[in-house]
Amino acid sequence: MAFLVLFQGCVVYHKTPTTLEQARQEHIKTKITNTDNETMTYKYITYEEGTFYGVTTRYGKEVKKPLNKEDIVRILTKNKSASTWVTVTVIAGPIIALIIAMAAVPGFGLASAP
């Protein structure tokens, strides 16, 4: 269970801001900062009947929140490749460190040979 939480929890966003239209086309996790300096994270952005919506999941159901272009300061989309590398590093790093530590301790694990 902890492994699953770690695997899903690492998200890295692109450093370069994008537009609502581009975020909608990418259909990817998006972080929006508004004029009040509040940051909201959405599962994806959609466009319906002339309005952009940020979609989140609440209690297992998708909820659409209308987005006002005038209130948006910055839009960042998820960087899939960087997120994958960070997740792998977070999971593999401690495992590799443990193996190295076990190998360095005499009489324990890999360092003990008959």
Protein backbone atom coordinates (compact mmCIF):
# COMPACT_ATOMS: atom_id res chain seq x y z
CA MET A 1 0.00 0.00 0.00
CA ALA A 2 2.78 2.45 0.90
CA PHE A 3 4.51 1.55 -2.36
CA LEU A 4 1.38 2.51 -4.30
CA VAL A 5 1.09 5.85 -2.50
CA LEU A 6 4.74 6.66 -3.24
CA PHE A 7 4.35 5.64 -6.86
CA GLN A 8 1.36 7.91 -7.45
CA GLY A 9 2.42 10.82 -5.28
CA CYS A 10 5.32 12.33 -7.22
CA VAL A 11 4.26 14.97 -9.72
CA VAL A 12 6.63 17.35 -11.47
CA TYR A 13 5.26 20.23 -13.53
CA HIS A 14 6.82 21.91 -16.56
CA LYS A 15 8.62 25.13 -15.65
CA THR A 16 7.26 27.00 -18.66
CA PRO A 17 3.67 28.25 -18.27
CA THR A 18 1.13 27.25 -20.92
CA THR A 19 -2.36 28.28 -22.03
CA LEU A 20 -5.75 26.88 -21.11
CA GLU A 21 -6.17 25.71 -24.70
CA GLN A 22 -2.85 23.82 -24.64
CA ALA A 23 -3.68 22.28 -21.25
CA ARG A 24 -7.05 21.18 -22.64
CA GLN A 25 -5.41 19.58 -25.66
CA GLU A 26 -2.89 17.70 -23.50
CA HIS A 27 -5.69 16.37 -21.23
CA ILE A 28 -3.21 16.06 -18.36
CA LYS A 29 -2.87 17.04 -14.70
CA THR A 30 -2.71 20.84 -14.51
CA LYS A 31 -1.82 23.34 -11.79
CA ILE A 32 -3.36 26.82 -11.98
CA THR A 33 -2.39 29.85 -9.90
CA ASN A 34 -4.94 32.67 -9.68
CA THR A 35 -4.68 36.42 -8.98
CA ASP A 36 -5.14 35.76 -5.23
CA ASN A 37 -2.00 33.58 -5.36
CA GLU A 38 -4.08 30.45 -4.68
CA THR A 39 -2.99 27.27 -6.45
CA MET A 40 -5.49 24.67 -7.60
CA THR A 41 -4.64 21.29 -9.11
CA TYR A 42 -6.93 19.69 -11.66
CA LYS A 43 -7.02 16.19 -13.11
CA TYR A 44 -7.40 17.80 -16.53
CA ILE A 45 -8.89 20.84 -18.30
CA THR A 46 -11.92 20.62 -20.55
CA TYR A 47 -13.83 23.10 -22.72
CA GLU A 48 -17.61 23.00 -23.07
CA GLU A 49 -20.07 25.52 -24.45
CA GLY A 50 -17.56 28.38 -24.50
CA THR A 51 -16.21 27.81 -20.98
CA PHE A 52 -13.02 26.15 -19.72
CA TYR A 53 -13.44 23.83 -16.72
CA GLY A 54 -10.95 22.34 -14.31
CA VAL A 55 -11.92 18.75 -13.53
CA THR A 56 -11.23 17.20 -10.13
CA THR A 57 -12.38 14.01 -8.47
CA ARG A 58 -14.39 14.18 -5.25
CA TYR A 59 -15.79 11.10 -3.56
CA GLY A 60 -15.17 9.08 -6.70
CA LYS A 61 -17.03 11.47 -9.03
CA GLU A 62 -15.64 14.01 -11.46
CA VAL A 63 -16.48 17.62 -10.60
CA LYS A 64 -16.11 20.46 -13.10
CA LYS A 65 -15.18 23.93 -11.85
CA PRO A 66 -15.57 26.82 -14.32
CA LEU A 67 -12.33 28.74 -14.89
CA ASN A 68 -12.24 32.50 -15.43
CA LYS A 69 -9.35 33.45 -17.75
CA GLU A 70 -9.05 36.90 -16.17
CA ASP A 71 -8.36 35.37 -12.74
CA ILE A 72 -5.56 33.07 -13.94
CA VAL A 73 -1.93 34.10 -13.48
CA ARG A 74 -0.08 30.87 -14.38
CA ILE A 75 -0.91 27.46 -15.85
CA LEU A 76 1.52 24.55 -15.52
CA THR A 77 1.00 21.04 -16.90
CA LYS A 78 2.45 17.79 -15.60
CA ASN A 79 5.86 16.79 -16.92
CA LYS A 80 5.33 13.05 -17.44
CA SER A 81 8.96 12.04 -17.97
CA ALA A 82 10.30 14.06 -15.02
CA SER A 83 7.51 12.73 -12.79
CA THR A 84 8.42 9.18 -13.73
CA TRP A 85 12.13 9.73 -13.00
CA VAL A 86 11.42 11.36 -9.65
CA THR A 87 9.11 8.50 -8.67
CA VAL A 88 11.69 5.88 -9.65
CA THR A 89 14.42 7.76 -7.76
CA VAL A 90 12.29 8.12 -4.62
CA ILE A 91 11.50 4.41 -4.61
CA ALA A 92 14.82 2.97 -5.85
CA GLY A 93 17.14 5.32 -3.91
CA PRO A 94 16.42 3.97 -0.42
CA ILE A 95 16.44 0.37 -1.68
CA ILE A 96 19.87 0.81 -3.27
CA ALA A 97 21.17 2.55 -0.13
CA LEU A 98 19.91 -0.37 2.01
CA ILE A 99 21.62 -2.93 -0.25
CA ILE A 100 24.91 -0.99 -0.09
CA ALA A 101 24.64 -0.70 3.69
CA MET A 102 23.94 -4.42 4.02
CA ALA A 103 26.91 -5.25 1.80
CA ALA A 104 29.21 -3.09 3.92
CA VAL A 105 28.35 -4.74 7.25
CA PRO A 106 30.52 -7.83 7.89
CA GLY A 107 28.55 -10.96 8.67
CA PHE A 108 25.31 -9.53 7.35
CA GLY A 109 23.72 -10.07 3.97
CA LEU A 110 25.89 -9.90 0.89
CA ALA A 111 29.27 -9.34 2.62
CA SER A 112 29.34 -12.72 4.35
CA ALA A 113 30.84 -15.45 2.18
CA PRO A 114 31.81 -18.86 3.58
